[in-house]
Amino acid sequence: MYEKNGEKYFVVDSHMHYWDASPENWVQGAEQYAKGWIECFHAYQSLGPTETHQPLEEFQKVSEDQLMREVFDEGHVDVAIFQSTYLREWYKDGFNTSERNGELALKHPDKFRVNTRFDPRDGDAGMREFEKNVERYQPLGAKLYTAEWNGDSRGFKLSDPECYRFLERAQELGIRNIHVHKGPTIWPLDKDAFDVSDVDHAATDFQGLNFIVEHVGLPRIEDFCFMATQEPNVYAGLSVVLGGLMHARPRFFAKVMGELLFWVGEDKMTFGSDYNIWTPQWQVEGLVDWDYPESAEYDDYPRLGVDGKKKILGLNAARLYDIPVPAECRLSADASAPASADDAELVEDKAVAQA
């Protein structure tokens, strides 16, 4: 665990991957898309510190040893949650599947939680695959990629009737955390397929599910915040916010964090490194040290103290996933509980009072 100034931080990386984008895995006839996708990811890596950049060949498929070293030995992560992205239209064995993640998790069961996924466009066959993965990996969460290509389709919405069938089944199977990619597009996917409006619809209708909006809908930060503050079961996943903005765009990062803290609250924000786009070490250390720049521009935003940073870096996700937290990493007695919907409602009340 990470320690700074006498404070110990239990770190849960709630959004990371173990992908295979090597040329050997590219689908014949779709090589330009498989190549373009991973090159776009690699370009995003340039937003992190120069010393963390990797050559493309290494970036396409990191080894198990490299992942364990960069995430756990050097990265300060205590528990990591795998999120799957299949992309079978472009990658023969999938880009990042539950099976690939699960193989590594079996070797290190104390380090990983495996989330599975579903695509409602796969129909009954997709439902059977989803049920099989839930039985095999016993996940508490699923990752949805609404902009993924599937045959002639270039995306789906959470509000689609077929998606509702899968969400209903997810609840029956014990899934309670739905991670949805809603953020910056990756070539060649369509930007509009990442719009956050369908989350609002589904969150209202499925009160038994938590919707963790990965990448907080960037660049639609206002849309996300105004939606999330009214939906107590919508959470802000900070992957890309940290990796993409904290180093490269520190003033914009401060604005995004300020809006999230004001509207959503520190109890509904989760840390994700988005490994292997970015390594977690500098993100964890950077958030622990972070404060707003000296400027009146940020005076009306809530401050983020040690307890809030502990919640974001691990305690919120630990509560969502029933991960035990060492006693020395827990909150002070006067802090609100992690992952608390009540705190988000208080933030909304304050916002209304100031209006």
Protein backbone atom coordinates (compact mmCIF):
# COMPACT_ATOMS: atom_id res chain seq x y z
CA MET A 1 0.00 0.00 0.00
CA TYR A 2 1.08 3.57 -0.62
CA GLU A 3 2.12 5.74 2.33
CA LYS A 4 2.72 9.50 2.35
CA ASN A 5 3.15 11.86 5.31
CA GLY A 6 2.08 9.16 7.75
CA GLU A 7 -1.14 8.34 5.86
CA LYS A 8 -1.68 4.91 4.31
CA TYR A 9 -3.74 4.58 1.13
CA PHE A 10 -5.43 1.35 0.10
CA VAL A 11 -5.46 1.52 -3.71
CA VAL A 12 -8.01 -0.24 -5.89
CA ASP A 13 -7.38 0.23 -9.60
CA SER A 14 -10.96 -0.21 -10.80
CA HIS A 15 -10.25 0.12 -14.52
CA MET A 16 -7.32 -1.72 -16.09
CA HIS A 17 -6.65 -4.20 -18.90
CA TYR A 18 -4.48 -7.08 -20.10
CA TRP A 19 -4.85 -6.82 -23.85
CA ASP A 20 -3.42 -8.49 -26.93
CA ALA A 21 -3.23 -6.09 -29.86
CA SER A 22 -0.23 -7.76 -31.49
CA PRO A 23 -0.34 -8.16 -35.29
CA GLU A 24 -0.72 -11.93 -34.90
CA ASN A 25 -4.16 -11.27 -33.36
CA TRP A 26 -5.46 -8.98 -36.13
CA VAL A 27 -8.44 -10.20 -38.17
CA GLN A 28 -7.60 -10.66 -41.83
CA GLY A 29 -9.25 -7.89 -43.84
CA ALA A 30 -9.63 -5.65 -40.77
CA GLU A 31 -5.97 -4.98 -40.15
CA GLN A 32 -6.34 -1.23 -40.69
CA TYR A 33 -8.86 -1.02 -37.84
CA ALA A 34 -6.90 -3.24 -35.43
CA LYS A 35 -3.74 -1.26 -36.18
CA GLY A 36 -5.48 2.10 -35.99
CA TRP A 37 -7.15 1.27 -32.67
CA ILE A 38 -3.94 0.38 -30.82
CA GLU A 39 -2.05 3.26 -32.41
CA CYS A 40 -4.73 5.63 -31.14
CA PHE A 41 -4.32 4.17 -27.63
CA HIS A 42 -0.56 4.57 -27.96
CA ALA A 43 -0.98 8.21 -28.92
CA TYR A 44 -3.01 8.80 -25.74
CA GLN A 45 -0.06 7.46 -23.75
CA SER A 46 1.90 10.57 -24.75
CA LEU A 47 -0.29 12.58 -22.36
CA GLY A 48 1.54 10.97 -19.45
CA PRO A 49 5.10 11.72 -18.23
CA THR A 50 7.78 11.12 -20.86
CA GLU A 51 9.63 8.53 -18.77
CA THR A 52 6.54 6.28 -18.78
CA HIS A 53 6.19 6.08 -22.58
CA GLN A 54 6.63 2.69 -24.28
CA PRO A 55 7.56 1.71 -27.83
CA LEU A 56 4.54 0.57 -29.82
CA GLU A 57 5.71 -3.05 -30.13
CA GLU A 58 5.87 -3.42 -26.34
CA PHE A 59 2.64 -1.48 -25.85
CA GLN A 60 0.69 -3.83 -28.13
CA LYS A 61 1.03 -6.76 -25.71
CA VAL A 62 2.73 -6.38 -22.35
CA SER A 63 3.99 -9.48 -20.59
CA GLU A 64 2.58 -10.87 -17.36
CA ASP A 65 5.81 -9.96 -15.56
CA GLN A 66 5.67 -6.38 -16.81
CA LEU A 67 2.04 -5.97 -15.77
CA MET A 68 2.65 -7.33 -12.26
CA ARG A 69 5.68 -5.10 -11.83
CA GLU A 70 4.13 -1.88 -13.18
CA VAL A 71 0.77 -2.28 -11.47
CA PHE A 72 1.65 -3.81 -8.12
CA ASP A 73 5.41 -3.69 -7.41
CA GLU A 74 5.87 -0.12 -8.63
CA GLY A 75 2.31 1.14 -9.07
CA HIS A 76 1.09 1.12 -5.44
CA VAL A 77 -2.03 -0.88 -6.40
CA ASP A 78 -3.36 -3.33 -3.81
CA VAL A 79 -6.25 -4.81 -5.81
CA ALA A 80 -7.02 -4.36 -9.52
CA ILE A 81 -10.31 -4.89 -11.36
CA PHE A 82 -10.10 -6.16 -14.93
CA GLN A 83 -12.46 -4.56 -17.45
CA SER A 84 -13.02 -6.39 -20.73
CA THR A 85 -13.22 -4.94 -24.25
CA TYR A 86 -13.68 -7.66 -26.87
CA LEU A 87 -13.51 -5.98 -30.34
CA ARG A 88 -13.88 -9.30 -32.11
CA GLU A 89 -14.52 -7.55 -35.41
CA TRP A 90 -10.83 -6.63 -35.46
CA TYR A 91 -9.00 -9.05 -33.12
CA LYS A 92 -9.20 -12.82 -33.69
CA ASP A 93 -9.08 -13.81 -30.02
CA GLY A 94 -10.58 -10.56 -28.82
CA PHE A 95 -8.69 -7.47 -27.71
CA ASN A 96 -9.11 -7.99 -23.97
CA THR A 97 -11.42 -10.83 -22.96
CA SER A 98 -12.75 -12.20 -19.67
CA GLU A 99 -10.88 -15.43 -20.46
CA ARG A 100 -7.52 -13.71 -20.92
CA ASN A 101 -8.02 -11.67 -17.76
CA GLY A 102 -9.28 -14.69 -15.87
CA GLU A 103 -6.18 -16.75 -16.62
CA LEU A 104 -4.00 -14.13 -14.95
CA ALA A 105 -6.42 -13.72 -12.04
CA LEU A 106 -6.29 -17.46 -11.34
CA LYS A 107 -2.54 -17.13 -10.84
CA HIS A 108 -2.92 -14.14 -8.51
CA PRO A 109 -6.35 -14.43 -6.86
CA ASP A 110 -5.48 -11.97 -4.09
CA LYS A 111 -4.60 -9.26 -6.61
CA PHE A 112 -7.44 -9.25 -9.15
CA ARG A 113 -11.19 -9.13 -9.57
CA VAL A 114 -12.47 -10.11 -13.04
CA ASN A 115 -15.41 -8.25 -14.53
CA THR A 116 -17.08 -9.81 -17.54
CA ARG A 117 -19.12 -8.12 -20.29
CA PHE A 118 -22.09 -8.52 -22.58
CA ASP A 119 -23.24 -7.14 -25.91
CA PRO A 120 -27.04 -7.15 -26.30
CA ARG A 121 -26.67 -7.40 -30.09
CA ASP A 122 -25.39 -10.97 -29.65
CA GLY A 123 -28.87 -12.13 -28.66
CA ASP A 124 -29.42 -15.53 -27.08
CA ALA A 125 -25.91 -16.75 -27.88
CA GLY A 126 -24.51 -13.67 -26.14
CA MET A 127 -26.75 -14.32 -23.15
CA ARG A 128 -25.44 -17.88 -22.84
CA GLU A 129 -21.85 -16.63 -23.03
CA PHE A 130 -22.59 -13.98 -20.40
CA GLU A 131 -24.17 -16.51 -18.04
CA LYS A 132 -21.25 -18.90 -18.52
CA ASN A 133 -18.71 -16.18 -17.65
CA VAL A 134 -20.67 -15.13 -14.58
CA GLU A 135 -20.73 -18.74 -13.38
CA ARG A 136 -17.01 -19.14 -14.06
CA TYR A 137 -15.63 -15.88 -12.65
CA GLN A 138 -18.32 -14.89 -10.11
CA PRO A 139 -17.97 -11.19 -10.97
CA LEU A 140 -19.76 -8.35 -9.22
CA GLY A 141 -19.44 -6.16 -12.30
CA ALA A 142 -19.67 -6.02 -16.08
CA LYS A 143 -18.12 -3.66 -18.63
CA LEU A 144 -20.22 -2.36 -21.53
CA TYR A 145 -18.72 -0.78 -24.63
CA THR A 146 -21.66 0.89 -26.33
CA ALA A 147 -19.63 2.06 -29.34
CA GLU A 148 -18.18 -1.33 -30.24
CA TRP A 149 -18.80 -2.49 -33.80
CA ASN A 150 -20.83 -5.66 -34.25
CA GLY A 151 -21.62 -6.74 -37.80
CA ASP A 152 -23.34 -3.82 -39.50
CA SER A 153 -24.01 -2.07 -36.19
CA ARG A 154 -21.73 0.67 -34.89
CA GLY A 155 -23.15 0.92 -31.42
CA PHE A 156 -26.04 0.36 -29.03
CA LYS A 157 -27.70 2.22 -26.17
CA LEU A 158 -28.28 1.14 -22.59
CA SER A 159 -31.91 2.13 -23.11
CA ASP A 160 -32.41 -0.36 -25.96
CA PRO A 161 -35.02 -3.05 -25.12
CA GLU A 162 -32.53 -5.85 -25.77
CA CYS A 163 -30.00 -4.22 -23.43
CA TYR A 164 -32.68 -4.04 -20.75
CA ARG A 165 -33.08 -7.83 -21.07
CA PHE A 166 -29.37 -8.24 -20.31
CA LEU A 167 -29.44 -5.73 -17.44
CA GLU A 168 -32.36 -7.58 -15.88
CA ARG A 169 -30.46 -10.86 -16.17
CA ALA A 170 -27.35 -9.25 -14.72
CA GLN A 171 -29.28 -8.31 -11.59
CA GLU A 172 -30.64 -11.85 -11.29
CA LEU A 173 -27.10 -13.26 -11.54
CA GLY A 174 -25.75 -11.03 -8.76
CA ILE A 175 -24.05 -8.40 -10.92
CA ARG A 176 -24.43 -4.99 -9.29
CA ASN A 177 -21.80 -2.76 -10.94
CA ILE A 178 -22.15 -1.80 -14.60
CA HIS A 179 -19.08 -0.01 -15.99
CA VAL A 180 -19.87 1.91 -19.16
CA HIS A 181 -17.29 3.47 -21.47
CA LYS A 182 -18.50 7.02 -22.04
CA GLY A 183 -15.60 9.26 -22.90
CA PRO A 184 -13.08 10.17 -25.57
CA THR A 185 -13.51 8.23 -28.78
CA ILE A 186 -10.91 5.88 -30.20
CA TRP A 187 -10.49 5.58 -33.95
CA PRO A 188 -12.43 4.26 -35.81
CA LEU A 189 -15.40 4.26 -33.41
CA ASP A 190 -18.16 6.86 -33.66
CA LYS A 191 -18.13 9.70 -31.13
CA ASP A 192 -21.91 9.87 -30.82
CA ALA A 193 -22.03 6.27 -29.56
CA PHE A 194 -20.31 7.47 -26.36
CA ASP A 195 -23.05 9.96 -25.42
CA VAL A 196 -24.12 9.69 -21.76
CA SER A 197 -27.86 10.28 -22.19
CA ASP A 198 -28.74 6.58 -22.21
CA VAL A 199 -27.15 6.13 -18.77
CA ASP A 200 -29.73 8.48 -17.28
CA HIS A 201 -32.57 6.34 -18.64
CA ALA A 202 -31.15 3.01 -17.46
CA ALA A 203 -30.05 4.26 -14.03
CA THR A 204 -33.57 5.43 -13.24
CA ASP A 205 -35.08 2.09 -14.27
CA PHE A 206 -32.47 -0.14 -12.59
CA GLN A 207 -32.10 1.11 -9.03
CA GLY A 208 -30.48 -2.18 -8.02
CA LEU A 209 -27.48 -1.51 -10.27
CA ASN A 210 -24.61 0.94 -9.88
CA PHE A 211 -23.56 2.60 -13.14
CA ILE A 212 -19.89 3.58 -13.12
CA VAL A 213 -19.42 5.93 -16.07
CA GLU A 214 -15.83 5.42 -17.11
CA HIS A 215 -14.04 8.55 -18.27
CA VAL A 216 -16.99 10.63 -16.92
CA GLY A 217 -18.35 11.27 -20.39
CA LEU A 218 -15.44 13.48 -21.46
CA PRO A 219 -15.62 15.83 -23.25
CA ARG A 220 -19.29 16.06 -22.12
CA ILE A 221 -18.38 16.81 -18.50
CA GLU A 222 -21.34 19.15 -17.87
CA ASP A 223 -23.83 16.66 -19.30
CA PHE A 224 -22.42 13.93 -17.09
CA CYS A 225 -22.36 16.00 -13.90
CA PHE A 226 -25.92 17.25 -14.22
CA MET A 227 -27.10 13.71 -14.92
CA ALA A 228 -25.05 12.03 -12.19
CA THR A 229 -26.10 14.41 -9.43
CA GLN A 230 -29.75 13.43 -9.85
CA GLU A 231 -29.06 9.68 -10.09
CA PRO A 232 -27.80 8.28 -6.76
CA ASN A 233 -26.61 5.07 -8.47
CA VAL A 234 -24.36 6.79 -11.03
CA TYR A 235 -20.63 7.01 -10.24
CA ALA A 236 -17.71 8.82 -11.85
CA GLY A 237 -14.90 6.55 -13.07
CA LEU A 238 -11.75 8.69 -13.22
CA SER A 239 -9.78 6.67 -15.75
CA VAL A 240 -8.59 9.07 -18.51
CA VAL A 241 -9.41 12.04 -16.23
CA LEU A 242 -6.25 11.28 -14.28
CA GLY A 243 -4.07 9.68 -16.95
CA GLY A 244 -5.06 11.99 -19.77
CA LEU A 245 -5.34 15.34 -17.97
CA MET A 246 -3.46 15.47 -14.67
CA HIS A 247 -0.02 15.73 -16.29
CA ALA A 248 -0.77 17.17 -19.73
CA ARG A 249 -3.63 19.58 -18.88
CA PRO A 250 -3.33 20.41 -15.15
CA ARG A 251 -5.60 23.46 -15.20
CA PHE A 252 -8.32 21.67 -17.14
CA PHE A 253 -7.85 18.68 -14.82
CA ALA A 254 -8.52 20.99 -11.86
CA LYS A 255 -11.71 22.25 -13.50
CA VAL A 256 -12.96 18.73 -14.24
CA MET A 257 -12.17 17.56 -10.70
CA GLY A 258 -13.85 20.64 -9.26
CA GLU A 259 -17.04 20.04 -11.23
CA LEU A 260 -17.08 16.36 -10.22
CA LEU A 261 -16.50 17.16 -6.56
CA PHE A 262 -19.22 19.83 -6.55
CA TRP A 263 -21.93 17.90 -8.39
CA VAL A 264 -21.13 14.23 -7.83
CA GLY A 265 -19.12 14.20 -4.59
CA GLU A 266 -16.01 12.41 -3.39
CA ASP A 267 -18.07 9.37 -2.32
CA LYS A 268 -19.03 8.55 -5.90
CA MET A 269 -15.65 8.83 -7.65
CA THR A 270 -13.39 5.84 -8.36
CA PHE A 271 -9.74 5.61 -9.37
CA GLY A 272 -8.77 3.80 -12.57
CA SER A 273 -5.36 3.93 -14.20
CA ASP A 274 -6.53 2.64 -17.61
CA TYR A 275 -3.41 0.47 -17.66
CA ASN A 276 -1.70 -0.21 -20.05
CA ILE A 277 -2.40 3.18 -21.62
CA TRP A 278 -0.89 4.72 -18.50
CA THR A 279 0.90 3.17 -15.52
CA PRO A 280 -0.64 3.76 -12.08
CA GLN A 281 2.41 4.91 -10.09
CA TRP A 282 2.49 8.53 -11.16
CA GLN A 283 -1.31 8.79 -11.09
CA VAL A 284 -1.56 7.56 -7.48
CA GLU A 285 1.30 9.76 -6.31
CA GLY A 286 -0.04 12.74 -8.27
CA LEU A 287 -3.54 12.51 -6.80
CA VAL A 288 -2.23 12.18 -3.24
CA ASP A 289 -0.18 15.37 -3.77
CA TRP A 290 -2.83 17.22 -5.78
CA ASP A 291 -4.50 20.52 -4.95
CA TYR A 292 -6.05 23.26 -7.06
CA PRO A 293 -3.72 25.83 -8.66
CA GLU A 294 -3.53 29.18 -6.90
CA SER A 295 -6.31 31.08 -8.66
CA ALA A 296 -9.66 32.61 -7.76
CA GLU A 297 -11.05 30.58 -10.67
CA TYR A 298 -11.21 27.53 -8.39
CA ASP A 299 -12.47 29.18 -5.20
CA ASP A 300 -16.05 27.89 -5.48
CA TYR A 301 -15.06 24.23 -5.80
CA PRO A 302 -15.01 21.82 -2.82
CA ARG A 303 -11.58 21.00 -1.41
CA LEU A 304 -10.29 17.42 -1.51
CA GLY A 305 -8.67 16.30 1.73
CA VAL A 306 -6.87 13.14 2.81
CA ASP A 307 -10.08 11.22 3.54
CA GLY A 308 -11.51 12.16 0.13
CA LYS A 309 -8.36 10.99 -1.62
CA LYS A 310 -8.50 7.70 0.28
CA LYS A 311 -12.09 7.20 -0.87
CA ILE A 312 -11.31 7.94 -4.51
CA LEU A 313 -8.11 5.88 -4.64
CA GLY A 314 -9.63 2.77 -3.18
CA LEU A 315 -12.28 2.85 -0.50
CA ASN A 316 -15.21 3.66 -2.79
CA ALA A 317 -14.40 0.79 -5.15
CA ALA A 318 -13.65 -1.52 -2.21
CA ARG A 319 -17.17 -0.93 -0.90
CA LEU A 320 -18.74 -1.53 -4.33
CA TYR A 321 -16.81 -4.81 -4.67
CA ASP A 322 -16.78 -6.09 -1.06
CA ILE A 323 -12.98 -5.85 -0.91
CA PRO A 324 -11.62 -5.95 2.68
CA VAL A 325 -9.70 -2.82 3.70
CA PRO A 326 -6.86 -3.00 6.26
CA ALA A 327 -7.69 -1.15 9.48
CA GLU A 328 -4.78 1.26 9.10
CA CYS A 329 -6.16 2.47 5.74
CA ARG A 330 -9.69 3.25 6.86
CA LEU A 331 -11.19 6.68 7.35
CA SER A 332 -11.16 8.95 10.34
CA ALA A 333 -14.21 8.62 12.58
CA ASP A 334 -15.86 11.85 11.41
CA ALA A 335 -15.70 11.07 7.66
CA SER A 336 -18.74 10.03 5.65
CA ALA A 337 -18.92 6.44 4.48
CA PRO A 338 -17.32 5.57 1.13
CA ALA A 339 -19.56 5.08 -1.91
CA SER A 340 -22.40 6.82 -0.11
CA ALA A 341 -25.37 7.94 -2.18
CA ASP A 342 -26.50 10.14 0.72
CA ASP A 343 -23.42 12.32 0.35
CA ALA A 344 -24.20 12.89 -3.32
CA GLU A 345 -27.70 14.02 -2.35
CA LEU A 346 -26.18 16.49 0.09
CA VAL A 347 -24.01 17.89 -2.69
CA GLU A 348 -27.12 18.35 -4.80
CA ASP A 349 -28.90 20.11 -1.91
CA LYS A 350 -25.98 22.52 -1.50
CA ALA A 351 -25.99 23.26 -5.22
CA VAL A 352 -29.71 24.06 -5.12
CA ALA A 353 -29.23 26.30 -2.10
CA GLN A 354 -26.54 28.27 -3.90
CA ALA A 355 -28.60 28.68 -7.08
